[in-house]
Amino acid sequence: MNYDTEAPIRLLIADDHPLIIDGLRTSLSRDESVNIVTHATNGSEVLDALRKQDVDVILLDINMPGMNGFETLKKIVPEFPEVKILILSMYDKPEFIHSLIENGASGYLLKNTNRDEMIYAIQKVHHGNIYFSEEVKRILKKEEEAAGHHEQLTKREKEILKLIAQEKTTSEIAEMLFISTHTVDTHRKNLLAKLGVKNAAGLVKFAIEYGITRDF
């Protein structure tokens, strides 16, 4: 998992929790390929540091006071296009991941990522690659699979799934949609088969996770 580099990768750690900064310093400094040149606790400090010294890669937290990770990212990219930004966050929502990558981040790690993978990720983005931690890859794969299932659903099935997630009974759904209870049951069985879940709880979980509880 190591790249041969001419010089250590100059790393900036941006996080508002001193314990996390200290932990990352202790962990990452043991690897000769990484040199932690400075740290910051908010977006303004990140920008100040970049204007004072050379940095190759930033480990950037999203949830910081004042200027958060999103805002910081948008300011770094145009002013320091050569700096690679690796998001390190506890947020595992696909929409967060997509938004940050679309706005210029080179990778996304969750805070439970182990040391070896984190160092590998730093090396990968430093060399111009996009990197997602293994857990982030699983999240994105799950989203992709769910999107495929979502596309298979008819408008009526989505309506019924939404009402199931709102804890409506079969009779209530039938009355609201002006269809028979038998038709509702048929749609429910089709939903179970298409989404690959076993019961109503699985349907509700899917609906909540992928936004089908919202209005169409």
Protein backbone atom coordinates (compact mmCIF):
# COMPACT_ATOMS: atom_id res chain seq x y z
CA MET A 1 0.00 0.00 0.00
CA ASN A 2 2.95 2.36 -0.29
CA TYR A 3 4.01 4.72 -3.08
CA ASP A 4 7.61 5.64 -3.64
CA THR A 5 7.77 9.40 -3.38
CA GLU A 6 10.67 11.84 -3.63
CA ALA A 7 9.57 13.68 -0.50
CA PRO A 8 6.96 13.16 2.22
CA ILE A 9 3.46 14.37 1.42
CA ARG A 10 2.86 17.66 3.21
CA LEU A 11 -0.39 17.22 5.10
CA LEU A 12 -2.71 19.70 6.80
CA ILE A 13 -5.25 18.31 9.28
CA ALA A 14 -8.44 20.37 9.68
CA ASP A 15 -10.74 19.37 12.53
CA ASP A 16 -12.29 21.26 15.42
CA HIS A 17 -11.61 18.49 17.97
CA PRO A 18 -8.09 18.63 19.50
CA LEU A 19 -8.26 14.97 20.49
CA ILE A 20 -8.87 13.95 16.87
CA ILE A 21 -6.01 16.15 15.67
CA ASP A 22 -3.68 14.70 18.32
CA GLY A 23 -4.77 11.16 17.46
CA LEU A 24 -4.18 11.67 13.75
CA ARG A 25 -0.81 13.28 14.40
CA THR A 26 0.30 10.35 16.55
CA SER A 27 -0.99 7.77 14.09
CA LEU A 28 0.04 9.26 10.76
CA SER A 29 3.42 10.66 11.81
CA ARG A 30 4.72 7.10 12.18
CA ASP A 31 4.65 6.76 8.37
CA GLU A 32 7.61 8.30 6.55
CA SER A 33 5.55 9.09 3.45
CA VAL A 34 3.52 11.71 5.34
CA ASN A 35 4.70 14.93 6.96
CA ILE A 36 2.05 16.76 9.01
CA VAL A 37 3.09 20.36 8.48
CA THR A 38 0.24 22.06 10.34
CA HIS A 39 -3.33 21.79 11.58
CA ALA A 40 -6.43 23.99 11.71
CA THR A 41 -9.65 24.01 13.71
CA ASN A 42 -11.85 25.94 11.27
CA GLY A 43 -12.02 27.04 7.65
CA SER A 44 -10.45 30.45 8.18
CA GLU A 45 -7.40 28.84 9.80
CA VAL A 46 -7.14 26.43 6.86
CA LEU A 47 -6.99 29.30 4.36
CA ASP A 48 -4.51 31.23 6.50
CA ALA A 49 -2.25 28.19 6.71
CA LEU A 50 -2.38 27.58 2.96
CA ARG A 51 -1.33 31.18 2.31
CA LYS A 52 1.71 30.81 4.58
CA GLN A 53 3.13 27.41 3.65
CA ASP A 54 3.06 24.70 1.01
CA VAL A 55 0.57 21.88 1.52
CA ASP A 56 -0.05 18.88 -0.73
CA VAL A 57 -3.09 17.26 0.89
CA ILE A 58 -5.70 18.42 3.39
CA LEU A 59 -7.62 16.06 5.66
CA LEU A 60 -10.78 18.14 5.97
CA ASP A 61 -13.62 17.68 8.44
CA ILE A 62 -17.10 18.88 7.42
CA ASN A 63 -18.49 19.93 10.78
CA MET A 64 -16.36 22.88 11.89
CA PRO A 65 -17.41 26.17 13.54
CA GLY A 66 -17.63 29.37 11.56
CA MET A 67 -16.68 28.29 8.05
CA ASN A 68 -17.65 24.63 7.72
CA GLY A 69 -16.09 22.02 5.45
CA PHE A 70 -18.42 22.69 2.53
CA GLU A 71 -17.69 26.43 2.57
CA THR A 72 -13.98 25.88 3.09
CA LEU A 73 -13.79 23.45 0.17
CA LYS A 74 -15.41 25.98 -2.16
CA LYS A 75 -12.83 28.60 -1.20
CA ILE A 76 -9.80 26.30 -1.39
CA VAL A 77 -10.44 24.87 -4.86
CA PRO A 78 -10.22 28.11 -6.90
CA GLU A 79 -7.42 29.68 -4.84
CA PHE A 80 -5.29 26.54 -4.35
CA PRO A 81 -6.18 24.20 -7.24
CA GLU A 82 -3.02 22.14 -6.78
CA VAL A 83 -3.95 21.13 -3.21
CA LYS A 84 -5.79 17.82 -2.89
CA ILE A 85 -8.66 17.67 -0.42
CA LEU A 86 -9.55 14.44 1.36
CA ILE A 87 -12.75 14.65 3.39
CA LEU A 88 -12.63 12.95 6.79
CA SER A 89 -16.10 12.89 8.32
CA MET A 90 -18.59 10.98 10.44
CA TYR A 91 -21.36 11.74 7.93
CA ASP A 92 -22.19 8.72 5.78
CA LYS A 93 -25.05 10.11 3.67
CA PRO A 94 -24.59 9.63 -0.10
CA GLU A 95 -25.79 13.17 -0.79
CA PHE A 96 -22.95 14.57 1.36
CA ILE A 97 -20.39 12.43 -0.45
CA HIS A 98 -21.62 13.34 -3.94
CA SER A 99 -21.85 17.05 -3.15
CA LEU A 100 -18.31 17.29 -1.79
CA ILE A 101 -16.78 15.36 -4.70
CA GLU A 102 -18.72 17.48 -7.20
CA ASN A 103 -17.35 20.60 -5.51
CA GLY A 104 -13.72 19.54 -5.79
CA ALA A 105 -12.85 17.05 -3.06
CA SER A 106 -10.53 14.24 -4.16
CA GLY A 107 -11.81 11.63 -1.75
CA TYR A 108 -14.02 10.77 1.19
CA LEU A 109 -13.18 8.81 4.34
CA LEU A 110 -15.25 8.06 7.40
CA LYS A 111 -13.67 8.74 10.78
CA ASN A 112 -13.59 5.04 11.60
CA THR A 113 -11.18 4.42 8.70
CA ASN A 114 -8.08 2.60 9.88
CA ARG A 115 -4.58 4.09 9.72
CA ASP A 116 -3.28 2.01 6.81
CA GLU A 117 -6.20 2.86 4.58
CA MET A 118 -5.99 6.53 5.54
CA ILE A 119 -2.33 6.70 4.55
CA TYR A 120 -3.11 4.87 1.31
CA ALA A 121 -5.92 7.35 0.61
CA ILE A 122 -3.58 10.30 1.20
CA GLN A 123 -1.08 8.81 -1.23
CA LYS A 124 -3.75 8.10 -3.84
CA VAL A 125 -5.26 11.58 -3.88
CA HIS A 126 -1.77 13.13 -3.84
CA HIS A 127 -1.12 11.28 -7.10
CA GLY A 128 -4.27 12.65 -8.70
CA ASN A 129 -6.75 9.89 -7.97
CA ILE A 130 -10.21 9.94 -6.43
CA TYR A 131 -10.42 7.75 -3.33
CA PHE A 132 -13.34 6.43 -1.31
CA SER A 133 -12.81 4.35 1.82
CA GLU A 134 -14.13 0.81 1.70
CA GLU A 135 -17.12 1.72 3.84
CA VAL A 136 -17.94 4.72 1.65
CA LYS A 137 -17.77 2.45 -1.41
CA ARG A 138 -20.31 0.15 0.23
CA ILE A 139 -22.59 3.11 0.96
CA LEU A 140 -22.41 4.31 -2.64
CA LYS A 141 -22.94 0.81 -3.99
CA LYS A 142 -25.99 0.40 -1.80
CA GLU A 143 -27.32 3.72 -3.08
CA GLU A 144 -26.74 2.64 -6.67
CA GLU A 145 -28.57 -0.62 -6.10
CA ALA A 146 -31.43 1.20 -4.40
CA ALA A 147 -31.65 3.63 -7.32
CA GLY A 148 -31.99 0.65 -9.63
CA HIS A 149 -34.83 -0.71 -7.50
CA HIS A 150 -36.37 2.74 -7.33
CA GLU A 151 -36.48 2.99 -11.12
CA GLN A 152 -38.34 -0.32 -11.30
CA LEU A 153 -41.21 1.00 -9.21
CA THR A 154 -44.31 2.33 -10.89
CA LYS A 155 -45.84 5.63 -9.81
CA ARG A 156 -48.62 3.72 -8.02
CA GLU A 157 -46.11 1.51 -6.19
CA LYS A 158 -44.22 4.60 -5.00
CA GLU A 159 -47.49 6.12 -3.77
CA ILE A 160 -48.31 2.96 -1.83
CA LEU A 161 -44.78 2.65 -0.45
CA LYS A 162 -44.96 6.23 0.77
CA LEU A 163 -48.26 5.55 2.55
CA ILE A 164 -46.92 2.34 4.08
CA ALA A 165 -43.98 4.37 5.44
CA GLN A 166 -46.55 6.77 6.94
CA GLU A 167 -48.04 3.76 8.80
CA LYS A 168 -51.29 3.74 6.86
CA THR A 169 -53.26 0.50 7.00
CA THR A 170 -54.29 -1.45 3.89
CA SER A 171 -57.85 -0.19 4.27
CA GLU A 172 -56.72 3.41 4.66
CA ILE A 173 -54.49 3.16 1.60
CA ALA A 174 -57.31 1.64 -0.44
CA GLU A 175 -59.66 4.43 0.59
CA MET A 176 -57.14 7.20 -0.09
CA LEU A 177 -56.23 5.89 -3.54
CA PHE A 178 -59.74 4.72 -4.50
CA ILE A 179 -58.67 1.14 -5.09
CA SER A 180 -59.57 -2.19 -3.48
CA THR A 181 -57.75 -3.69 -0.51
CA HIS A 182 -56.92 -6.65 -2.75
CA THR A 183 -55.13 -4.30 -5.16
CA VAL A 184 -53.20 -2.75 -2.27
CA ASP A 185 -52.11 -6.20 -1.11
CA THR A 186 -50.99 -7.07 -4.64
CA HIS A 187 -48.90 -3.92 -4.84
CA ARG A 188 -47.44 -4.64 -1.41
CA LYS A 189 -46.34 -8.12 -2.54
CA ASN A 190 -44.80 -6.64 -5.69
CA LEU A 191 -42.92 -4.10 -3.59
CA LEU A 192 -41.50 -6.79 -1.34
CA ALA A 193 -40.29 -8.73 -4.38
CA LYS A 194 -38.83 -5.74 -6.26
CA LEU A 195 -37.02 -4.26 -3.26
CA GLY A 196 -35.82 -7.60 -1.92
CA VAL A 197 -37.14 -7.07 1.60
CA LYS A 198 -39.13 -9.48 3.76
CA ASN A 199 -41.79 -7.42 5.48
CA ALA A 200 -43.39 -4.03 6.01
CA ALA A 201 -40.53 -2.94 8.25
CA GLY A 202 -38.15 -3.46 5.35
CA LEU A 203 -40.38 -1.39 3.10
CA VAL A 204 -40.49 1.43 5.64
CA LYS A 205 -36.71 1.38 6.07
CA PHE A 206 -36.19 1.56 2.32
CA ALA A 207 -38.69 4.39 1.93
CA ILE A 208 -37.06 6.47 4.68
CA GLU A 209 -33.47 5.86 3.55
CA TYR A 210 -34.15 6.79 -0.06
CA GLY A 211 -36.57 9.66 0.34
CA ILE A 212 -39.76 8.02 -0.81
CA THR A 213 -41.57 9.46 2.20
CA ARG A 214 -41.35 12.86 0.48
CA ASP A 215 -44.03 14.11 -1.91
CA PHE A 216 -43.62 13.15 -5.53
